[in-house]
């Protein structure tokens, strides 16, 4: 997973990732205390480059620090997002 852009963001940002093979991908967003806020994506994706457009208004997010965790097959990665209001 590649760091989102822009970061900090308000109200939307793009999360990019690259898959080396076809994989089941799950993107989850967590608050700064580690509580799961939402599952952003949970589907099979083909090999290659992909983008997820996150709009904070769709998830009723307030300003602060969030973490997005991506699981693709057995690989797990996390990025830190900053939402400004």
PDB file of N, CA and C in Angstrom:
ATOM      1  N   UNK A   1       0.858  -1.159   0.000  1.00  0.00           N
ATOM      2  CA  UNK A   1       0.000   0.000   0.000  1.00  0.00           C
ATOM      3  C   UNK A   1       0.909   1.228   0.000  1.00  0.00           C
ATOM      4  N   UNK A   2       0.497   2.219  -0.744  1.00  0.00           N
ATOM      5  CA  UNK A   2       1.257   3.458  -0.879  1.00  0.00           C
ATOM      6  C   UNK A   2       0.573   4.518  -0.027  1.00  0.00           C
ATOM      7  N   UNK A   3       1.349   5.407   0.587  1.00  0.00           N
ATOM      8  CA  UNK A   3       0.777   6.457   1.442  1.00  0.00           C
ATOM      9  C   UNK A   3      -0.291   7.227   0.670  1.00  0.00           C
ATOM     10  N   UNK A   4      -1.391   7.509   1.367  1.00  0.00           N
ATOM     11  CA  UNK A   4      -2.487   8.232   0.716  1.00  0.00           C
ATOM     12  C   UNK A   4      -2.053   9.632   0.296  1.00  0.00           C
ATOM     13  N   UNK A   5      -2.770  10.183  -0.673  1.00  0.00           N
ATOM     14  CA  UNK A   5      -2.491  11.539  -1.148  1.00  0.00           C
ATOM     15  C   UNK A   5      -3.801  12.241  -1.436  1.00  0.00           C
ATOM     16  N   UNK A   6      -4.028  13.447  -0.980  1.00  0.00           N
ATOM     17  CA  UNK A   6      -3.163  14.206  -0.081  1.00  0.00           C
ATOM     18  C   UNK A   6      -3.276  13.707   1.358  1.00  0.00           C
ATOM     19  N   UNK A   7      -2.298  14.071   2.147  1.00  0.00           N
ATOM     20  CA  UNK A   7      -2.291  13.741   3.572  1.00  0.00           C
ATOM     21  C   UNK A   7      -1.503  14.820   4.288  1.00  0.00           C
ATOM     22  N   UNK A   8      -2.120  15.653   5.096  1.00  0.00           N
ATOM     23  CA  UNK A   8      -3.503  15.622   5.583  1.00  0.00           C
ATOM     24  C   UNK A   8      -4.502  15.902   4.463  1.00  0.00           C
ATOM     25  N   UNK A   9      -5.752  15.505   4.724  1.00  0.00           N
ATOM     26  CA  UNK A   9      -6.793  15.655   3.717  1.00  0.00           C
ATOM     27  C   UNK A   9      -8.073  16.198   4.339  1.00  0.00           C
ATOM     28  N   UNK A  10      -8.925  16.745   3.487  1.00  0.00           N
ATOM     29  CA  UNK A  10     -10.253  17.201   3.883  1.00  0.00           C
ATOM     30  C   UNK A  10     -11.050  17.494   2.625  1.00  0.00           C
ATOM     31  N   UNK A  11     -12.108  16.826   2.302  1.00  0.00           N
ATOM     32  CA  UNK A  11     -12.653  15.659   2.987  1.00  0.00           C
ATOM     33  C   UNK A  11     -12.279  14.344   2.311  1.00  0.00           C
ATOM     34  N   UNK A  12     -11.491  14.401   1.198  1.00  0.00           N
ATOM     35  CA  UNK A  12     -11.243  13.140   0.489  1.00  0.00           C
ATOM     36  C   UNK A  12      -9.761  12.941   0.204  1.00  0.00           C
ATOM     37  N   UNK A  13      -9.401  11.670   0.024  1.00  0.00           N
ATOM     38  CA  UNK A  13      -8.022  11.286  -0.260  1.00  0.00           C
ATOM     39  C   UNK A  13      -8.040  10.009  -1.092  1.00  0.00           C
ATOM     40  N   UNK A  14      -6.919   9.681  -1.683  1.00  0.00           N
ATOM     41  CA  UNK A  14      -6.802   8.482  -2.513  1.00  0.00           C
ATOM     42  C   UNK A  14      -5.772   7.544  -1.887  1.00  0.00           C
ATOM     43  N   UNK A  15      -6.176   6.289  -1.715  1.00  0.00           N
ATOM     44  CA  UNK A  15      -5.289   5.244  -1.213  1.00  0.00           C
ATOM     45  C   UNK A  15      -4.939   4.348  -2.398  1.00  0.00           C
ATOM     46  N   UNK A  16      -3.661   4.259  -2.712  1.00  0.00           N
ATOM     47  CA  UNK A  16      -3.213   3.457  -3.854  1.00  0.00           C
ATOM     48  C   UNK A  16      -2.505   2.207  -3.359  1.00  0.00           C
ATOM     49  N   UNK A  17      -2.638   1.137  -4.136  1.00  0.00           N
ATOM     50  CA  UNK A  17      -1.935  -0.094  -3.797  1.00  0.00           C
ATOM     51  C   UNK A  17      -1.679  -0.903  -5.051  1.00  0.00           C
ATOM     52  N   UNK A  18      -0.669  -1.756  -4.962  1.00  0.00           N
ATOM     53  CA  UNK A  18      -0.250  -2.590  -6.085  1.00  0.00           C
ATOM     54  C   UNK A  18      -0.272  -4.045  -5.643  1.00  0.00           C
ATOM     55  N   UNK A  19      -0.874  -4.899  -6.448  1.00  0.00           N
ATOM     56  CA  UNK A  19      -0.939  -6.334  -6.149  1.00  0.00           C
ATOM     57  C   UNK A  19      -0.060  -7.098  -7.119  1.00  0.00           C
ATOM     58  N   UNK A  20       0.762  -7.992  -6.583  1.00  0.00           N
ATOM     59  CA  UNK A  20       1.636  -8.788  -7.442  1.00  0.00           C
ATOM     60  C   UNK A  20       0.907 -10.000  -8.026  1.00  0.00           C
ATOM     61  N   UNK A  21      -0.229 -10.393  -7.427  1.00  0.00           N
ATOM     62  CA  UNK A  21      -1.091 -11.453  -7.984  1.00  0.00           C
ATOM     63  C   UNK A  21      -2.534 -11.139  -7.624  1.00  0.00           C
ATOM     64  N   UNK A  22      -3.442 -11.847  -8.246  1.00  0.00           N
ATOM     65  CA  UNK A  22      -4.855 -11.699  -7.895  1.00  0.00           C
ATOM     66  C   UNK A  22      -4.997 -12.027  -6.413  1.00  0.00           C
ATOM     67  N   UNK A  23      -5.752 -11.198  -5.679  1.00  0.00           N
ATOM     68  CA  UNK A  23      -5.864 -11.379  -4.231  1.00  0.00           C
ATOM     69  C   UNK A  23      -7.216 -10.901  -3.729  1.00  0.00           C
ATOM     70  N   UNK A  24      -7.593 -11.435  -2.577  1.00  0.00           N
ATOM     71  CA  UNK A  24      -8.732 -10.894  -1.846  1.00  0.00           C
ATOM     72  C   UNK A  24      -8.185  -9.726  -1.026  1.00  0.00           C
ATOM     73  N   UNK A  25      -8.784  -8.549  -1.182  1.00  0.00           N
ATOM     74  CA  UNK A  25      -8.296  -7.341  -0.525  1.00  0.00           C
ATOM     75  C   UNK A  25      -9.336  -6.847   0.464  1.00  0.00           C
ATOM     76  N   UNK A  26      -8.842  -6.518   1.677  1.00  0.00           N
ATOM     77  CA  UNK A  26      -9.700  -5.905   2.681  1.00  0.00           C
ATOM     78  C   UNK A  26      -9.012  -4.641   3.176  1.00  0.00           C
ATOM     79  N   UNK A  27      -9.734  -3.512   3.106  1.00  0.00           N
ATOM     80  CA  UNK A  27      -9.270  -2.252   3.662  1.00  0.00           C
ATOM     81  C   UNK A  27     -10.165  -1.915   4.836  1.00  0.00           C
ATOM     82  N   UNK A  28      -9.557  -1.662   6.000  1.00  0.00           N
ATOM     83  CA  UNK A  28     -10.301  -1.270   7.190  1.00  0.00           C
ATOM     84  C   UNK A  28      -9.739   0.039   7.699  1.00  0.00           C
ATOM     85  N   UNK A  29     -10.615   0.879   8.287  1.00  0.00           N
ATOM     86  CA  UNK A  29     -10.162   2.121   8.879  1.00  0.00           C
ATOM     87  C   UNK A  29     -10.378   2.056  10.387  1.00  0.00           C
ATOM     88  N   UNK A  30      -9.361   2.539  11.126  1.00  0.00           N
ATOM     89  CA  UNK A  30      -9.372   2.534  12.587  1.00  0.00           C
ATOM     90  C   UNK A  30      -9.123   3.943  13.101  1.00  0.00           C
ATOM     91  N   UNK A  31      -9.683   4.265  14.274  1.00  0.00           N
ATOM     92  CA  UNK A  31      -9.380   5.556  14.886  1.00  0.00           C
ATOM     93  C   UNK A  31      -8.050   5.463  15.634  1.00  0.00           C
ATOM     94  N   UNK A  32      -7.630   6.566  16.249  1.00  0.00           N
ATOM     95  CA  UNK A  32      -6.331   6.623  16.927  1.00  0.00           C
ATOM     96  C   UNK A  32      -6.258   5.681  18.129  1.00  0.00           C
ATOM     97  N   UNK A  33      -7.405   5.258  18.666  1.00  0.00           N
ATOM     98  CA  UNK A  33      -7.426   4.327  19.792  1.00  0.00           C
ATOM     99  C   UNK A  33      -7.476   2.869  19.343  1.00  0.00           C
ATOM    100  N   UNK A  34      -7.455   2.644  18.029  1.00  0.00           N
ATOM    101  CA  UNK A  34      -7.446   1.291  17.502  1.00  0.00           C
ATOM    102  C   UNK A  34      -8.820   0.678  17.308  1.00  0.00           C
ATOM    103  N   UNK A  35      -9.869   1.480  17.463  1.00  0.00           N
ATOM    104  CA  UNK A  35     -11.234   0.970  17.250  1.00  0.00           C
ATOM    105  C   UNK A  35     -11.550   0.963  15.758  1.00  0.00           C
ATOM    106  N   UNK A  36     -12.086  -0.158  15.292  1.00  0.00           N
ATOM    107  CA  UNK A  36     -12.453  -0.262  13.877  1.00  0.00           C
ATOM    108  C   UNK A  36     -13.642   0.645  13.600  1.00  0.00           C
ATOM    109  N   UNK A  37     -13.491   1.505  12.611  1.00  0.00           N
ATOM    110  CA  UNK A  37     -14.557   2.436  12.218  1.00  0.00           C
ATOM    111  C   UNK A  37     -15.414   1.820  11.122  1.00  0.00           C
ATOM    112  N   UNK A  38     -14.767   1.250  10.116  1.00  0.00           N
ATOM    113  CA  UNK A  38     -15.512   0.703   8.979  1.00  0.00           C
ATOM    114  C   UNK A  38     -14.614  -0.194   8.138  1.00  0.00           C
ATOM    115  N   UNK A  39     -15.259  -1.082   7.402  1.00  0.00           N
ATOM    116  CA  UNK A  39     -14.581  -1.839   6.354  1.00  0.00           C
ATOM    117  C   UNK A  39     -14.816  -1.062   5.064  1.00  0.00           C
ATOM    118  N   UNK A  40     -13.749  -0.575   4.484  1.00  0.00           N
ATOM    119  CA  UNK A  40     -13.849   0.257   3.283  1.00  0.00           C
ATOM    120  C   UNK A  40     -13.975  -0.581   2.020  1.00  0.00           C
ATOM    121  N   UNK A  41     -13.313  -1.727   2.005  1.00  0.00           N
ATOM    122  CA  UNK A  41     -13.278  -2.568   0.811  1.00  0.00           C
ATOM    123  C   UNK A  41     -13.092  -4.011   1.253  1.00  0.00           C
ATOM    124  N   UNK A  42     -13.832  -4.917   0.632  1.00  0.00           N
ATOM    125  CA  UNK A  42     -13.723  -6.340   0.950  1.00  0.00           C
ATOM    126  C   UNK A  42     -14.115  -7.114  -0.307  1.00  0.00           C
ATOM    127  N   UNK A  43     -13.149  -7.268  -1.215  1.00  0.00           N
ATOM    128  CA  UNK A  43     -13.457  -7.939  -2.484  1.00  0.00           C
ATOM    129  C   UNK A  43     -12.194  -8.461  -3.153  1.00  0.00           C
ATOM    130  N   UNK A  44     -12.385  -9.311  -4.133  1.00  0.00           N
ATOM    131  CA  UNK A  44     -11.284  -9.846  -4.921  1.00  0.00           C
ATOM    132  C   UNK A  44     -10.848  -8.794  -5.933  1.00  0.00           C
ATOM    133  N   UNK A  45      -9.527  -8.656  -6.063  1.00  0.00           N
ATOM    134  CA  UNK A  45      -8.963  -7.704  -7.011  1.00  0.00           C
ATOM    135  C   UNK A  45      -7.919  -8.413  -7.863  1.00  0.00           C
ATOM    136  N   UNK A  46      -7.773  -7.947  -9.088  1.00  0.00           N
ATOM    137  CA  UNK A  46      -6.800  -8.534 -10.001  1.00  0.00           C
ATOM    138  C   UNK A  46      -5.412  -7.937  -9.772  1.00  0.00           C
ATOM    139  N   UNK A  47      -4.422  -8.634 -10.260  1.00  0.00           N
ATOM    140  CA  UNK A  47      -3.029  -8.183 -10.215  1.00  0.00           C
ATOM    141  C   UNK A  47      -2.933  -6.799 -10.842  1.00  0.00           C
ATOM    142  N   UNK A  48      -2.086  -5.933 -10.264  1.00  0.00           N
ATOM    143  CA  UNK A  48      -1.880  -4.613 -10.841  1.00  0.00           C
ATOM    144  C   UNK A  48      -2.095  -3.494  -9.843  1.00  0.00           C
ATOM    145  N   UNK A  49      -2.230  -2.280 -10.370  1.00  0.00           N
ATOM    146  CA  UNK A  49      -2.367  -1.086  -9.541  1.00  0.00           C
ATOM    147  C   UNK A  49      -3.838  -0.729  -9.374  1.00  0.00           C
ATOM    148  N   UNK A  50      -4.174  -0.308  -8.153  1.00  0.00           N
ATOM    149  CA  UNK A  50      -5.556   0.032  -7.823  1.00  0.00           C
ATOM    150  C   UNK A  50      -5.589   1.277  -6.950  1.00  0.00           C
ATOM    151  N   UNK A  51      -6.751   1.936  -6.918  1.00  0.00           N
ATOM    152  CA  UNK A  51      -6.961   3.100  -6.066  1.00  0.00           C
ATOM    153  C   UNK A  51      -8.290   2.971  -5.351  1.00  0.00           C
ATOM    154  N   UNK A  52      -8.314   3.446  -4.104  1.00  0.00           N
ATOM    155  CA  UNK A  52      -9.565   3.554  -3.359  1.00  0.00           C
ATOM    156  C   UNK A  52      -9.719   5.015  -2.989  1.00  0.00           C
ATOM    157  N   UNK A  53     -10.858   5.614  -3.350  1.00  0.00           N
ATOM    158  CA  UNK A  53     -11.134   7.011  -3.046  1.00  0.00           C
ATOM    159  C   UNK A  53     -11.940   7.070  -1.748  1.00  0.00           C
ATOM    160  N   UNK A  54     -11.312   7.611  -0.707  1.00  0.00           N
ATOM    161  CA  UNK A  54     -11.940   7.714   0.604  1.00  0.00           C
ATOM    162  C   UNK A  54     -12.507   9.107   0.786  1.00  0.00           C
ATOM    163  N   UNK A  55     -13.806   9.195   1.007  1.00  0.00           N
ATOM    164  CA  UNK A  55     -14.478  10.456   1.308  1.00  0.00           C
ATOM    165  C   UNK A  55     -14.920  10.383   2.762  1.00  0.00           C
ATOM    166  N   UNK A  56     -14.321  11.202   3.612  1.00  0.00           N
ATOM    167  CA  UNK A  56     -14.588  11.168   5.050  1.00  0.00           C
ATOM    168  C   UNK A  56     -16.048  11.432   5.383  1.00  0.00           C
ATOM    169  N   UNK A  57     -16.743  12.171   4.536  1.00  0.00           N
ATOM    170  CA  UNK A  57     -18.149  12.465   4.826  1.00  0.00           C
ATOM    171  C   UNK A  57     -19.021  11.221   4.726  1.00  0.00           C
ATOM    172  N   UNK A  58     -18.603  10.226   3.939  1.00  0.00           N
ATOM    173  CA  UNK A  58     -19.371   8.984   3.812  1.00  0.00           C
ATOM    174  C   UNK A  58     -19.307   8.136   5.071  1.00  0.00           C
ATOM    175  N   UNK A  59     -18.299   8.383   5.918  1.00  0.00           N
ATOM    176  CA  UNK A  59     -18.102   7.579   7.124  1.00  0.00           C
ATOM    177  C   UNK A  59     -18.259   8.407   8.390  1.00  0.00           C
ATOM    178  N   UNK A  60     -18.719   9.644   8.244  1.00  0.00           N
ATOM    179  CA  UNK A  60     -18.974  10.535   9.382  1.00  0.00           C
ATOM    180  C   UNK A  60     -17.725  10.686  10.256  1.00  0.00           C
ATOM    181  N   UNK A  61     -16.565  10.855   9.622  1.00  0.00           N
ATOM    182  CA  UNK A  61     -15.309  10.989  10.359  1.00  0.00           C
ATOM    183  C   UNK A  61     -15.099  12.427  10.796  1.00  0.00           C
ATOM    184  N   UNK A  62     -14.655  12.607  12.022  1.00  0.00           N
ATOM    185  CA  UNK A  62     -14.290  13.938  12.503  1.00  0.00           C
ATOM    186  C   UNK A  62     -12.786  14.118  12.320  1.00  0.00           C
ATOM    187  N   UNK A  63     -12.302  15.331  12.494  1.00  0.00           N
ATOM    188  CA  UNK A  63     -10.883  15.592  12.325  1.00  0.00           C
ATOM    189  C   UNK A  63     -10.054  14.761  13.286  1.00  0.00           C
ATOM    190  N   UNK A  64      -8.903  14.302  12.834  1.00  0.00           N
ATOM    191  CA  UNK A  64      -8.023  13.533  13.700  1.00  0.00           C
ATOM    192  C   UNK A  64      -7.156  12.571  12.919  1.00  0.00           C
ATOM    193  N   UNK A  65      -6.543  11.656  13.663  1.00  0.00           N
ATOM    194  CA  UNK A  65      -5.640  10.662  13.091  1.00  0.00           C
ATOM    195  C   UNK A  65      -6.380   9.340  12.935  1.00  0.00           C
ATOM    196  N   UNK A  66      -6.192   8.723  11.780  1.00  0.00           N
ATOM    197  CA  UNK A  66      -6.802   7.430  11.473  1.00  0.00           C
ATOM    198  C   UNK A  66      -5.735   6.521  10.880  1.00  0.00           C
ATOM    199  N   UNK A  67      -5.999   5.238  10.914  1.00  0.00           N
ATOM    200  CA  UNK A  67      -5.115   4.243  10.313  1.00  0.00           C
ATOM    201  C   UNK A  67      -5.932   3.385   9.362  1.00  0.00           C
ATOM    202  N   UNK A  68      -5.374   3.111   8.190  1.00  0.00           N
ATOM    203  CA  UNK A  68      -6.000   2.193   7.242  1.00  0.00           C
ATOM    204  C   UNK A  68      -5.111   0.964   7.150  1.00  0.00           C
ATOM    205  N   UNK A  69      -5.728  -0.183   7.370  1.00  0.00           N
ATOM    206  CA  UNK A  69      -5.023  -1.462   7.283  1.00  0.00           C
ATOM    207  C   UNK A  69      -5.493  -2.190   6.036  1.00  0.00           C
ATOM    208  N   UNK A  70      -4.530  -2.660   5.246  1.00  0.00           N
ATOM    209  CA  UNK A  70      -4.853  -3.421   4.055  1.00  0.00           C
ATOM    210  C   UNK A  70      -4.351  -4.845   4.228  1.00  0.00           C
ATOM    211  N   UNK A  71      -5.243  -5.797   4.007  1.00  0.00           N
ATOM    212  CA  UNK A  71      -4.872  -7.205   3.980  1.00  0.00           C
ATOM    213  C   UNK A  71      -5.099  -7.701   2.560  1.00  0.00           C
ATOM    214  N   UNK A  72      -4.049  -8.256   1.972  1.00  0.00           N
ATOM    215  CA  UNK A  72      -4.130  -8.822   0.622  1.00  0.00           C
ATOM    216  C   UNK A  72      -3.449 -10.179   0.678  1.00  0.00           C
ATOM    217  N   UNK A  73      -4.261 -11.240   0.668  1.00  0.00           N
ATOM    218  CA  UNK A  73      -3.694 -12.574   0.858  1.00  0.00           C
ATOM    219  C   UNK A  73      -3.147 -12.672   2.266  1.00  0.00           C
ATOM    220  N   UNK A  74      -1.854 -12.969   2.396  1.00  0.00           N
ATOM    221  CA  UNK A  74      -1.226 -13.056   3.718  1.00  0.00           C
ATOM    222  C   UNK A  74      -0.464 -11.785   4.076  1.00  0.00           C
ATOM    223  N   UNK A  75      -0.457 -10.800   3.193  1.00  0.00           N
ATOM    224  CA  UNK A  75       0.260  -9.544   3.436  1.00  0.00           C
ATOM    225  C   UNK A  75      -0.643  -8.534   4.131  1.00  0.00           C
ATOM    226  N   UNK A  76      -0.083  -7.862   5.142  1.00  0.00           N
ATOM    227  CA  UNK A  76      -0.812  -6.829   5.871  1.00  0.00           C
ATOM    228  C   UNK A  76       0.063  -5.587   5.929  1.00  0.00           C
ATOM    229  N   UNK A  77      -0.526  -4.427   5.630  1.00  0.00           N
ATOM    230  CA  UNK A  77       0.207  -3.167   5.755  1.00  0.00           C
ATOM    231  C   UNK A  77      -0.739  -2.101   6.291  1.00  0.00           C
ATOM    232  N   UNK A  78      -0.160  -1.069   6.897  1.00  0.00           N
ATOM    233  CA  UNK A  78      -0.933  -0.008   7.533  1.00  0.00           C
ATOM    234  C   UNK A  78      -0.350   1.350   7.170  1.00  0.00           C
ATOM    235  N   UNK A  79      -1.233   2.316   6.944  1.00  0.00           N
ATOM    236  CA  UNK A  79      -0.814   3.694   6.744  1.00  0.00           C
ATOM    237  C   UNK A  79      -1.570   4.605   7.708  1.00  0.00           C
ATOM    238  N   UNK A  80      -0.972   5.751   8.001  1.00  0.00           N
ATOM    239  CA  UNK A  80      -1.552   6.738   8.900  1.00  0.00           C
ATOM    240  C   UNK A  80      -2.124   7.877   8.062  1.00  0.00           C
ATOM    241  N   UNK A  81      -3.376   8.258   8.352  1.00  0.00           N
ATOM    242  CA  UNK A  81      -4.040   9.344   7.658  1.00  0.00           C
ATOM    243  C   UNK A  81      -4.372  10.444   8.658  1.00  0.00           C
ATOM    244  N   UNK A  82      -4.305  11.683   8.223  1.00  0.00           N
ATOM    245  CA  UNK A  82      -4.672  12.814   9.067  1.00  0.00           C
ATOM    246  C   UNK A  82      -5.784  13.569   8.372  1.00  0.00           C
ATOM    247  N   UNK A  83      -6.939  13.637   9.045  1.00  0.00           N
ATOM    248  CA  UNK A  83      -8.101  14.352   8.524  1.00  0.00           C
ATOM    249  C   UNK A  83      -8.185  15.689   9.233  1.00  0.00           C
ATOM    250  N   UNK A  84      -8.142  16.771   8.464  1.00  0.00           N
ATOM    251  CA  UNK A  84      -8.261  18.119   9.039  1.00  0.00           C
ATOM    252  C   UNK A  84      -9.683  18.613   8.839  1.00  0.00           C
ATOM    253  N   UNK A  85     -10.184  19.317   9.801  1.00  0.00           N
ATOM    254  CA  UNK A  85     -11.530  19.896   9.698  1.00  0.00           C
ATOM    255  C   UNK A  85     -11.474  21.374   9.941  1.00  0.00           C
TER     256      UNK A  85
END
